[in-house]
Amino acid sequence: MGADGGQCRSSMDPVARSPWASGGTVTRPAEFLDPDLIFPISDQQQLTEQVNGYLAEGSHTTFLTFDGVDHMGSARKFFYIKAARDWLFDQVKA
């Protein structure tokens, strides 16, 4: 048993305990983000508004994916988006 009384499972187990399994919230937009909006970095207004809007929902987990890009490729692209970097670094301070 886990410290919270739940059954311990491998993190690879698809039914392993997760924030949304225990009542957490998830933001997973139906639409994909446009990777063409990343560059030039000095002109990310539309992408910044989209990312900030999803993050403002305050979910425990937020899945944001770019159109035509796999999960890990999307994760790498987020480091080019100032709004996403700012959010990430704020998590360390919290």
Foldseek 3Di string as FASTA:
>chain_A
DDPVPDDQDDPVDPPGDDQVVVPFDEAEDPDAAALVLLPPVVRNVVVLVVVVVSVVVVTPYYQHHHPPADRVRRVVSLVSHPNSVVVVVVVVVD
